Amino acid sequence: MAWKKKYRCGTCGYECDDYEGRGLFRQEIIAVNCPDCHSIQHIVVGGIIGDVAPSFSSAVGRLCLNCGSGAISQWDRHTCPKCGGRMAFTGEQEFWT
């Protein structure tokens, strides 16, 4: 089980969701920062899909789902991809399976 949490930049107002925990099929959803399109994207890693498709077993070699860039890195849950400002948890969260 997992939680979907909303984050917002205090400088520019950019918002994104982040997932903590594991989904129904043991997968993890990782938030990645793309420096090319200045966005946070989510990739599915591990779980049953990772057992069947080895390319999904880790974040290595994955591409940005928005622009196709290979320069993605795991998001630190603090830095805004748009302006570099500070993002903070808004307190909004919901249960996700």
PDB file of N, CA and C in Angstrom:
ATOM      1  N   MET A   1       0.827  -1.169   0.000  1.00  0.00           N
ATOM      2  CA  MET A   1       0.000   0.000   0.000  1.00  0.00           C
ATOM      3  C   MET A   1       0.884   1.250   0.000  1.00  0.00           C
ATOM      4  N   ALA A   2       0.330   2.320  -0.534  1.00  0.00           N
ATOM      5  CA  ALA A   2       1.126   3.531  -0.689  1.00  0.00           C
ATOM      6  C   ALA A   2       0.281   4.774  -0.447  1.00  0.00           C
ATOM      7  N   TRP A   3       0.999   5.878  -0.325  1.00  0.00           N
ATOM      8  CA  TRP A   3       0.370   7.176  -0.176  1.00  0.00           C
ATOM      9  C   TRP A   3       0.792   8.057  -1.333  1.00  0.00           C
ATOM     10  N   LYS A   4      -0.164   8.805  -1.880  1.00  0.00           N
ATOM     11  CA  LYS A   4       0.136   9.813  -2.888  1.00  0.00           C
ATOM     12  C   LYS A   4       0.142  11.159  -2.166  1.00  0.00           C
ATOM     13  N   LYS A   5       1.276  11.868  -2.249  1.00  0.00           N
ATOM     14  CA  LYS A   5       1.440  13.130  -1.538  1.00  0.00           C
ATOM     15  C   LYS A   5       1.694  14.257  -2.524  1.00  0.00           C
ATOM     16  N   LYS A   6       1.138  15.416  -2.254  1.00  0.00           N
ATOM     17  CA  LYS A   6       1.284  16.577  -3.125  1.00  0.00           C
ATOM     18  C   LYS A   6       2.367  17.514  -2.585  1.00  0.00           C
ATOM     19  N   TYR A   7       3.221  17.967  -3.503  1.00  0.00           N
ATOM     20  CA  TYR A   7       4.277  18.921  -3.187  1.00  0.00           C
ATOM     21  C   TYR A   7       4.081  20.185  -4.026  1.00  0.00           C
ATOM     22  N   ARG A   8       4.455  21.337  -3.461  1.00  0.00           N
ATOM     23  CA  ARG A   8       4.313  22.619  -4.157  1.00  0.00           C
ATOM     24  C   ARG A   8       5.557  23.467  -3.918  1.00  0.00           C
ATOM     25  N   CYS A   9       5.986  24.165  -4.982  1.00  0.00           N
ATOM     26  CA  CYS A   9       7.125  25.073  -4.875  1.00  0.00           C
ATOM     27  C   CYS A   9       6.662  26.383  -4.250  1.00  0.00           C
ATOM     28  N   GLY A  10       7.376  26.837  -3.237  1.00  0.00           N
ATOM     29  CA  GLY A  10       7.054  28.092  -2.582  1.00  0.00           C
ATOM     30  C   GLY A  10       7.410  29.315  -3.413  1.00  0.00           C
ATOM     31  N   THR A  11       8.240  29.141  -4.438  1.00  0.00           N
ATOM     32  CA  THR A  11       8.666  30.266  -5.269  1.00  0.00           C
ATOM     33  C   THR A  11       7.780  30.452  -6.505  1.00  0.00           C
ATOM     34  N   CYS A  12       7.617  29.384  -7.299  1.00  0.00           N
ATOM     35  CA  CYS A  12       6.879  29.521  -8.566  1.00  0.00           C
ATOM     36  C   CYS A  12       5.506  28.852  -8.570  1.00  0.00           C
ATOM     37  N   GLY A  13       5.206  28.037  -7.546  1.00  0.00           N
ATOM     38  CA  GLY A  13       3.901  27.383  -7.469  1.00  0.00           C
ATOM     39  C   GLY A  13       3.784  26.061  -8.201  1.00  0.00           C
ATOM     40  N   TYR A  14       4.891  25.568  -8.797  1.00  0.00           N
ATOM     41  CA  TYR A  14       4.856  24.270  -9.485  1.00  0.00           C
ATOM     42  C   TYR A  14       4.395  23.195  -8.511  1.00  0.00           C
ATOM     43  N   GLU A  15       3.511  22.297  -8.969  1.00  0.00           N
ATOM     44  CA  GLU A  15       3.008  21.214  -8.128  1.00  0.00           C
ATOM     45  C   GLU A  15       3.266  19.864  -8.769  1.00  0.00           C
ATOM     46  N   CYS A  16       3.466  18.876  -7.926  1.00  0.00           N
ATOM     47  CA  CYS A  16       3.602  17.505  -8.397  1.00  0.00           C
ATOM     48  C   CYS A  16       3.178  16.552  -7.290  1.00  0.00           C
ATOM     49  N   ASP A  17       2.941  15.314  -7.673  1.00  0.00           N
ATOM     50  CA  ASP A  17       2.620  14.262  -6.716  1.00  0.00           C
ATOM     51  C   ASP A  17       3.851  13.395  -6.507  1.00  0.00           C
ATOM     52  N   ASP A  18       3.888  12.738  -5.377  1.00  0.00           N
ATOM     53  CA  ASP A  18       4.944  11.779  -5.081  1.00  0.00           C
ATOM     54  C   ASP A  18       4.295  10.588  -4.405  1.00  0.00           C
ATOM     55  N   TYR A  19       4.822   9.416  -4.633  1.00  0.00           N
ATOM     56  CA  TYR A  19       4.259   8.195  -4.072  1.00  0.00           C
ATOM     57  C   TYR A  19       5.243   7.582  -3.098  1.00  0.00           C
ATOM     58  N   GLU A  20       4.745   7.198  -1.935  1.00  0.00           N
ATOM     59  CA  GLU A  20       5.570   6.536  -0.931  1.00  0.00           C
ATOM     60  C   GLU A  20       4.961   5.185  -0.625  1.00  0.00           C
ATOM     61  N   GLY A  21       5.789   4.157  -0.623  1.00  0.00           N
ATOM     62  CA  GLY A  21       5.312   2.806  -0.361  1.00  0.00           C
ATOM     63  C   GLY A  21       5.316   1.985  -1.639  1.00  0.00           C
ATOM     64  N   ARG A  22       4.656   0.859  -1.582  1.00  0.00           N
ATOM     65  CA  ARG A  22       4.596  -0.053  -2.735  1.00  0.00           C
ATOM     66  C   ARG A  22       3.148  -0.281  -3.132  1.00  0.00           C
ATOM     67  N   GLY A  23       2.945  -0.521  -4.417  1.00  0.00           N
ATOM     68  CA  GLY A  23       1.615  -0.759  -4.955  1.00  0.00           C
ATOM     69  C   GLY A  23       1.153  -2.190  -4.758  1.00  0.00           C
ATOM     70  N   LEU A  24      -0.005  -2.477  -5.280  1.00  0.00           N
ATOM     71  CA  LEU A  24      -0.646  -3.778  -5.135  1.00  0.00           C
ATOM     72  C   LEU A  24       0.234  -4.928  -5.646  1.00  0.00           C
ATOM     73  N   PHE A  25       0.969  -4.691  -6.705  1.00  0.00           N
ATOM     74  CA  PHE A  25       1.817  -5.730  -7.285  1.00  0.00           C
ATOM     75  C   PHE A  25       3.287  -5.564  -6.894  1.00  0.00           C
ATOM     76  N   ARG A  26       3.531  -4.970  -5.717  1.00  0.00           N
ATOM     77  CA  ARG A  26       4.850  -4.783  -5.118  1.00  0.00           C
ATOM     78  C   ARG A  26       5.738  -3.799  -5.881  1.00  0.00           C
ATOM     79  N   GLN A  27       5.170  -3.068  -6.833  1.00  0.00           N
ATOM     80  CA  GLN A  27       5.958  -2.097  -7.586  1.00  0.00           C
ATOM     81  C   GLN A  27       6.129  -0.818  -6.780  1.00  0.00           C
ATOM     82  N   GLU A  28       7.172  -0.109  -7.111  1.00  0.00           N
ATOM     83  CA  GLU A  28       7.444   1.185  -6.496  1.00  0.00           C
ATOM     84  C   GLU A  28       7.347   2.237  -7.601  1.00  0.00           C
ATOM     85  N   ILE A  29       6.787   3.375  -7.295  1.00  0.00           N
ATOM     86  CA  ILE A  29       6.723   4.467  -8.259  1.00  0.00           C
ATOM     87  C   ILE A  29       7.718   5.520  -7.797  1.00  0.00           C
ATOM     88  N   ILE A  30       8.721   5.760  -8.639  1.00  0.00           N
ATOM     89  CA  ILE A  30       9.808   6.670  -8.295  1.00  0.00           C
ATOM     90  C   ILE A  30       9.621   7.983  -9.045  1.00  0.00           C
ATOM     91  N   ALA A  31       9.722   9.083  -8.317  1.00  0.00           N
ATOM     92  CA  ALA A  31       9.678  10.416  -8.930  1.00  0.00           C
ATOM     93  C   ALA A  31      11.073  10.759  -9.428  1.00  0.00           C
ATOM     94  N   VAL A  32      11.157  11.142 -10.709  1.00  0.00           N
ATOM     95  CA  VAL A  32      12.436  11.522 -11.289  1.00  0.00           C
ATOM     96  C   VAL A  32      12.363  12.961 -11.795  1.00  0.00           C
ATOM     97  N   ASN A  33      13.470  13.647 -11.686  1.00  0.00           N
ATOM     98  CA  ASN A  33      13.607  15.025 -12.137  1.00  0.00           C
ATOM     99  C   ASN A  33      14.233  15.025 -13.526  1.00  0.00           C
ATOM    100  N   CYS A  34      13.614  15.743 -14.462  1.00  0.00           N
ATOM    101  CA  CYS A  34      14.191  15.861 -15.801  1.00  0.00           C
ATOM    102  C   CYS A  34      14.705  17.285 -15.994  1.00  0.00           C
ATOM    103  N   PRO A  35      16.021  17.462 -16.131  1.00  0.00           N
ATOM    104  CA  PRO A  35      16.581  18.798 -16.306  1.00  0.00           C
ATOM    105  C   PRO A  35      16.327  19.378 -17.702  1.00  0.00           C
ATOM    106  N   ASP A  36      15.922  18.535 -18.651  1.00  0.00           N
ATOM    107  CA  ASP A  36      15.696  19.017 -20.014  1.00  0.00           C
ATOM    108  C   ASP A  36      14.306  19.632 -20.198  1.00  0.00           C
ATOM    109  N   CYS A  37      13.264  19.007 -19.657  1.00  0.00           N
ATOM    110  CA  CYS A  37      11.912  19.576 -19.783  1.00  0.00           C
ATOM    111  C   CYS A  37      11.430  20.204 -18.480  1.00  0.00           C
ATOM    112  N   HIS A  38      12.284  20.212 -17.456  1.00  0.00           N
ATOM    113  CA  HIS A  38      12.003  20.870 -16.168  1.00  0.00           C
ATOM    114  C   HIS A  38      10.702  20.368 -15.548  1.00  0.00           C
ATOM    115  N   SER A  39      10.620  19.044 -15.403  1.00  0.00           N
ATOM    116  CA  SER A  39       9.415  18.463 -14.811  1.00  0.00           C
ATOM    117  C   SER A  39       9.770  17.270 -13.934  1.00  0.00           C
ATOM    118  N   ILE A  40       8.798  16.894 -13.117  1.00  0.00           N
ATOM    119  CA  ILE A  40       8.891  15.672 -12.328  1.00  0.00           C
ATOM    120  C   ILE A  40       8.025  14.636 -13.037  1.00  0.00           C
ATOM    121  N   GLN A  41       8.593  13.483 -13.322  1.00  0.00           N
ATOM    122  CA  GLN A  41       7.869  12.385 -13.947  1.00  0.00           C
ATOM    123  C   GLN A  41       7.946  11.181 -13.019  1.00  0.00           C
ATOM    124  N   HIS A  42       7.083  10.200 -13.244  1.00  0.00           N
ATOM    125  CA  HIS A  42       7.051   9.012 -12.392  1.00  0.00           C
ATOM    126  C   HIS A  42       7.310   7.773 -13.228  1.00  0.00           C
ATOM    127  N   ILE A  43       8.190   6.923 -12.723  1.00  0.00           N
ATOM    128  CA  ILE A  43       8.460   5.656 -13.398  1.00  0.00           C
ATOM    129  C   ILE A  43       8.175   4.505 -12.438  1.00  0.00           C
ATOM    130  N   VAL A  44       7.689   3.415 -12.996  1.00  0.00           N
ATOM    131  CA  VAL A  44       7.383   2.215 -12.216  1.00  0.00           C
ATOM    132  C   VAL A  44       8.625   1.338 -12.192  1.00  0.00           C
ATOM    133  N   VAL A  45       8.973   0.876 -11.006  1.00  0.00           N
ATOM    134  CA  VAL A  45      10.179   0.061 -10.830  1.00  0.00           C
ATOM    135  C   VAL A  45       9.834  -1.153  -9.980  1.00  0.00           C
ATOM    136  N   GLY A  46      10.342  -2.306 -10.395  1.00  0.00           N
ATOM    137  CA  GLY A  46      10.243  -3.515  -9.579  1.00  0.00           C
ATOM    138  C   GLY A  46       8.881  -4.173  -9.580  1.00  0.00           C
ATOM    139  N   GLY A  47       8.650  -4.948  -8.557  1.00  0.00           N
ATOM    140  CA  GLY A  47       7.400  -5.676  -8.425  1.00  0.00           C
ATOM    141  C   GLY A  47       7.268  -6.775  -9.458  1.00  0.00           C
ATOM    142  N   ILE A  48       6.052  -7.155  -9.724  1.00  0.00           N
ATOM    143  CA  ILE A  48       5.795  -8.237 -10.675  1.00  0.00           C
ATOM    144  C   ILE A  48       6.248  -7.860 -12.076  1.00  0.00           C
ATOM    145  N   ILE A  49       6.018  -6.611 -12.479  1.00  0.00           N
ATOM    146  CA  ILE A  49       6.448  -6.189 -13.815  1.00  0.00           C
ATOM    147  C   ILE A  49       7.971  -6.257 -13.941  1.00  0.00           C
ATOM    148  N   GLY A  50       8.689  -5.951 -12.874  1.00  0.00           N
ATOM    149  CA  GLY A  50      10.146  -6.048 -12.885  1.00  0.00           C
ATOM    150  C   GLY A  50      10.626  -7.484 -12.989  1.00  0.00           C
ATOM    151  N   ASP A  51       9.837  -8.419 -12.449  1.00  0.00           N
ATOM    152  CA  ASP A  51      10.181  -9.838 -12.560  1.00  0.00           C
ATOM    153  C   ASP A  51      10.031 -10.328 -13.996  1.00  0.00           C
ATOM    154  N   VAL A  52       9.034  -9.793 -14.704  1.00  0.00           N
ATOM    155  CA  VAL A  52       8.735 -10.228 -16.072  1.00  0.00           C
ATOM    156  C   VAL A  52       9.580  -9.474 -17.099  1.00  0.00           C
ATOM    157  N   ALA A  53       9.743  -8.180 -16.888  1.00  0.00           N
ATOM    158  CA  ALA A  53      10.501  -7.337 -17.815  1.00  0.00           C
ATOM    159  C   ALA A  53      11.704  -6.750 -17.078  1.00  0.00           C
ATOM    160  N   PRO A  54      12.881  -7.338 -17.223  1.00  0.00           N
ATOM    161  CA  PRO A  54      14.061  -6.892 -16.472  1.00  0.00           C
ATOM    162  C   PRO A  54      14.382  -5.408 -16.622  1.00  0.00           C
ATOM    163  N   SER A  55      14.002  -4.773 -17.729  1.00  0.00           N
ATOM    164  CA  SER A  55      14.295  -3.348 -17.901  1.00  0.00           C
ATOM    165  C   SER A  55      13.518  -2.482 -16.907  1.00  0.00           C
ATOM    166  N   PHE A  56      12.471  -3.053 -16.272  1.00  0.00           N
ATOM    167  CA  PHE A  56      11.692  -2.334 -15.275  1.00  0.00           C
ATOM    168  C   PHE A  56      12.149  -2.644 -13.851  1.00  0.00           C
ATOM    169  N   SER A  57      13.192  -3.427 -13.693  1.00  0.00           N
ATOM    170  CA  SER A  57      13.628  -3.805 -12.346  1.00  0.00           C
ATOM    171  C   SER A  57      14.417  -2.699 -11.645  1.00  0.00           C
ATOM    172  N   SER A  58      14.870  -1.685 -12.399  1.00  0.00           N
ATOM    173  CA  SER A  58      15.559  -0.546 -11.782  1.00  0.00           C
ATOM    174  C   SER A  58      15.313   0.713 -12.616  1.00  0.00           C
ATOM    175  N   ALA A  59      15.796   1.840 -12.127  1.00  0.00           N
ATOM    176  CA  ALA A  59      15.648   3.115 -12.838  1.00  0.00           C
ATOM    177  C   ALA A  59      16.780   3.357 -13.834  1.00  0.00           C
ATOM    178  N   VAL A  60      17.786   2.490 -13.832  1.00  0.00           N
ATOM    179  CA  VAL A  60      18.952   2.654 -14.708  1.00  0.00           C
ATOM    180  C   VAL A  60      18.525   2.520 -16.167  1.00  0.00           C
ATOM    181  N   GLY A  61      18.944   3.486 -16.984  1.00  0.00           N
ATOM    182  CA  GLY A  61      18.674   3.442 -18.414  1.00  0.00           C
ATOM    183  C   GLY A  61      17.281   3.891 -18.815  1.00  0.00           C
ATOM    184  N   ARG A  62      16.492   4.367 -17.876  1.00  0.00           N
ATOM    185  CA  ARG A  62      15.126   4.791 -18.186  1.00  0.00           C
ATOM    186  C   ARG A  62      15.135   6.208 -18.741  1.00  0.00           C
ATOM    187  N   LEU A  63      14.067   6.579 -19.443  1.00  0.00           N
ATOM    188  CA  LEU A  63      13.950   7.877 -20.080  1.00  0.00           C
ATOM    189  C   LEU A  63      12.810   8.683 -19.479  1.00  0.00           C
ATOM    190  N   CYS A  64      12.883  10.001 -19.621  1.00  0.00           N
ATOM    191  CA  CYS A  64      11.800  10.884 -19.185  1.00  0.00           C
ATOM    192  C   CYS A  64      10.557  10.559 -20.002  1.00  0.00           C
ATOM    193  N   LEU A  65       9.445  10.396 -19.348  1.00  0.00           N
ATOM    194  CA  LEU A  65       8.202  10.062 -20.036  1.00  0.00           C
ATOM    195  C   LEU A  65       7.612  11.266 -20.767  1.00  0.00           C
ATOM    196  N   ASN A  66       8.081  12.455 -20.457  1.00  0.00           N
ATOM    197  CA  ASN A  66       7.558  13.667 -21.093  1.00  0.00           C
ATOM    198  C   ASN A  66       8.327  14.022 -22.367  1.00  0.00           C
ATOM    199  N   CYS A  67       9.665  13.984 -22.311  1.00  0.00           N
ATOM    200  CA  CYS A  67      10.462  14.446 -23.455  1.00  0.00           C
ATOM    201  C   CYS A  67      11.430  13.401 -24.015  1.00  0.00           C
ATOM    202  N   GLY A  68      11.581  12.263 -23.335  1.00  0.00           N
ATOM    203  CA  GLY A  68      12.476  11.212 -23.818  1.00  0.00           C
ATOM    204  C   GLY A  68      13.933  11.385 -23.435  1.00  0.00           C
ATOM    205  N   SER A  69      14.246  12.347 -22.614  1.00  0.00           N
ATOM    206  CA  SER A  69      15.628  12.588 -22.201  1.00  0.00           C
ATOM    207  C   SER A  69      16.159  11.441 -21.344  1.00  0.00           C
ATOM    208  N   GLY A  70      17.432  11.147 -21.507  1.00  0.00           N
ATOM    209  CA  GLY A  70      18.094  10.141 -20.687  1.00  0.00           C
ATOM    210  C   GLY A  70      18.805  10.747 -19.488  1.00  0.00           C
ATOM    211  N   ALA A  71      18.638  12.055 -19.275  1.00  0.00           N
ATOM    212  CA  ALA A  71      19.350  12.766 -18.210  1.00  0.00           C
ATOM    213  C   ALA A  71      18.580  12.794 -16.889  1.00  0.00           C
ATOM    214  N   ILE A  72      17.596  11.938 -16.718  1.00  0.00           N
ATOM    215  CA  ILE A  72      16.785  11.965 -15.496  1.00  0.00           C
ATOM    216  C   ILE A  72      17.573  11.472 -14.288  1.00  0.00           C
ATOM    217  N   SER A  73      17.158  11.961 -13.129  1.00  0.00           N
ATOM    218  CA  SER A  73      17.747  11.495 -11.865  1.00  0.00           C
ATOM    219  C   SER A  73      16.640  11.462 -10.825  1.00  0.00           C
ATOM    220  N   GLN A  74      16.830  10.660  -9.805  1.00  0.00           N
ATOM    221  CA  GLN A  74      15.805  10.559  -8.773  1.00  0.00           C
ATOM    222  C   GLN A  74      15.607  11.916  -8.111  1.00  0.00           C
ATOM    223  N   TRP A  75      14.352  12.319  -7.964  1.00  0.00           N
ATOM    224  CA  TRP A  75      14.021  13.613  -7.368  1.00  0.00           C
ATOM    225  C   TRP A  75      14.306  13.585  -5.875  1.00  0.00           C
ATOM    226  N   ASP A  76      14.828  14.666  -5.338  1.00  0.00           N
ATOM    227  CA  ASP A  76      15.203  14.737  -3.925  1.00  0.00           C
ATOM    228  C   ASP A  76      14.049  15.183  -3.010  1.00  0.00           C
ATOM    229  N   ARG A  77      12.873  15.395  -3.558  1.00  0.00           N
ATOM    230  CA  ARG A  77      11.669  15.833  -2.829  1.00  0.00           C
ATOM    231  C   ARG A  77      11.816  17.229  -2.232  1.00  0.00           C
ATOM    232  N   HIS A  78      12.767  17.996  -2.708  1.00  0.00           N
ATOM    233  CA  HIS A  78      12.972  19.350  -2.190  1.00  0.00           C
ATOM    234  C   HIS A  78      13.152  20.387  -3.290  1.00  0.00           C
ATOM    235  N   THR A  79      13.833  20.059  -4.372  1.00  0.00           N
ATOM    236  CA  THR A  79      14.201  21.034  -5.384  1.00  0.00           C
ATOM    237  C   THR A  79      13.163  21.106  -6.501  1.00  0.00           C
ATOM    238  N   CYS A  80      12.701  22.314  -6.803  1.00  0.00           N
ATOM    239  CA  CYS A  80      11.733  22.536  -7.871  1.00  0.00           C
ATOM    240  C   CYS A  80      12.426  22.373  -9.228  1.00  0.00           C
ATOM    241  N   PRO A  81      11.872  21.566 -10.133  1.00  0.00           N
ATOM    242  CA  PRO A  81      12.497  21.391 -11.442  1.00  0.00           C
ATOM    243  C   PRO A  81      12.335  22.608 -12.350  1.00  0.00           C
ATOM    244  N   LYS A  82      11.368  23.461 -12.062  1.00  0.00           N
ATOM    245  CA  LYS A  82      11.108  24.641 -12.904  1.00  0.00           C
ATOM    246  C   LYS A  82      12.042  25.801 -12.571  1.00  0.00           C
ATOM    247  N   CYS A  83      12.149  26.128 -11.269  1.00  0.00           N
ATOM    248  CA  CYS A  83      12.890  27.338 -10.902  1.00  0.00           C
ATOM    249  C   CYS A  83      14.054  27.092  -9.941  1.00  0.00           C
ATOM    250  N   GLY A  84      14.186  25.865  -9.427  1.00  0.00           N
ATOM    251  CA  GLY A  84      15.251  25.566  -8.471  1.00  0.00           C
ATOM    252  C   GLY A  84      14.910  25.946  -7.042  1.00  0.00           C
ATOM    253  N   GLY A  85      13.683  26.462  -6.840  1.00  0.00           N
ATOM    254  CA  GLY A  85      13.243  26.835  -5.494  1.00  0.00           C
ATOM    255  C   GLY A  85      12.989  25.619  -4.618  1.00  0.00           C
ATOM    256  N   ARG A  86      12.457  25.878  -3.453  1.00  0.00           N
ATOM    257  CA  ARG A  86      12.224  24.812  -2.478  1.00  0.00           C
ATOM    258  C   ARG A  86      10.778  24.319  -2.570  1.00  0.00           C
ATOM    259  N   MET A  87      10.615  23.010  -2.727  1.00  0.00           N
ATOM    260  CA  MET A  87       9.295  22.403  -2.743  1.00  0.00           C
ATOM    261  C   MET A  87       9.026  21.802  -1.376  1.00  0.00           C
ATOM    262  N   ALA A  88       7.781  21.864  -0.960  1.00  0.00           N
ATOM    263  CA  ALA A  88       7.404  21.350   0.352  1.00  0.00           C
ATOM    264  C   ALA A  88       6.114  20.546   0.243  1.00  0.00           C
ATOM    265  N   PHE A  89       5.990  19.580   1.111  1.00  0.00           N
ATOM    266  CA  PHE A  89       4.778  18.771   1.213  1.00  0.00           C
ATOM    267  C   PHE A  89       3.637  19.686   1.640  1.00  0.00           C
ATOM    268  N   THR A  90       2.516  19.637   0.926  1.00  0.00           N
ATOM    269  CA  THR A  90       1.385  20.532   1.203  1.00  0.00           C
ATOM    270  C   THR A  90       0.496  20.040   2.331  1.00  0.00           C
ATOM    271  N   GLY A  91       0.664  18.799   2.728  1.00  0.00           N
ATOM    272  CA  GLY A  91      -0.225  18.205   3.734  1.00  0.00           C
ATOM    273  C   GLY A  91      -1.343  17.408   3.091  1.00  0.00           C
ATOM    274  N   GLU A  92      -1.499  17.550   1.762  1.00  0.00           N
ATOM    275  CA  GLU A  92      -2.509  16.788   1.046  1.00  0.00           C
ATOM    276  C   GLU A  92      -1.963  15.412   0.700  1.00  0.00           C
ATOM    277  N   GLN A  93      -2.697  14.386   1.080  1.00  0.00           N
ATOM    278  CA  GLN A  93      -2.288  13.030   0.745  1.00  0.00           C
ATOM    279  C   GLN A  93      -3.521  12.161   0.642  1.00  0.00           C
ATOM    280  N   GLU A  94      -3.383  11.097  -0.111  1.00  0.00           N
ATOM    281  CA  GLU A  94      -4.477  10.130  -0.218  1.00  0.00           C
ATOM    282  C   GLU A  94      -3.905   8.735  -0.312  1.00  0.00           C
ATOM    283  N   PHE A  95      -4.683   7.792   0.155  1.00  0.00           N
ATOM    284  CA  PHE A  95      -4.291   6.393   0.134  1.00  0.00           C
ATOM    285  C   PHE A  95      -4.366   5.893  -1.306  1.00  0.00           C
ATOM    286  N   TRP A  96      -3.372   5.119  -1.735  1.00  0.00           N
ATOM    287  CA  TRP A  96      -3.294   4.641  -3.104  1.00  0.00           C
ATOM    288  C   TRP A  96      -2.938   3.157  -3.076  1.00  0.00           C
ATOM    289  N   THR A  97      -3.555   2.383  -3.947  1.00  0.00           N
ATOM    290  CA  THR A  97      -3.228   0.950  -4.026  1.00  0.00           C
ATOM    291  C   THR A  97      -2.731   0.590  -5.390  1.00  0.00           C
TER     292      THR A  97
END
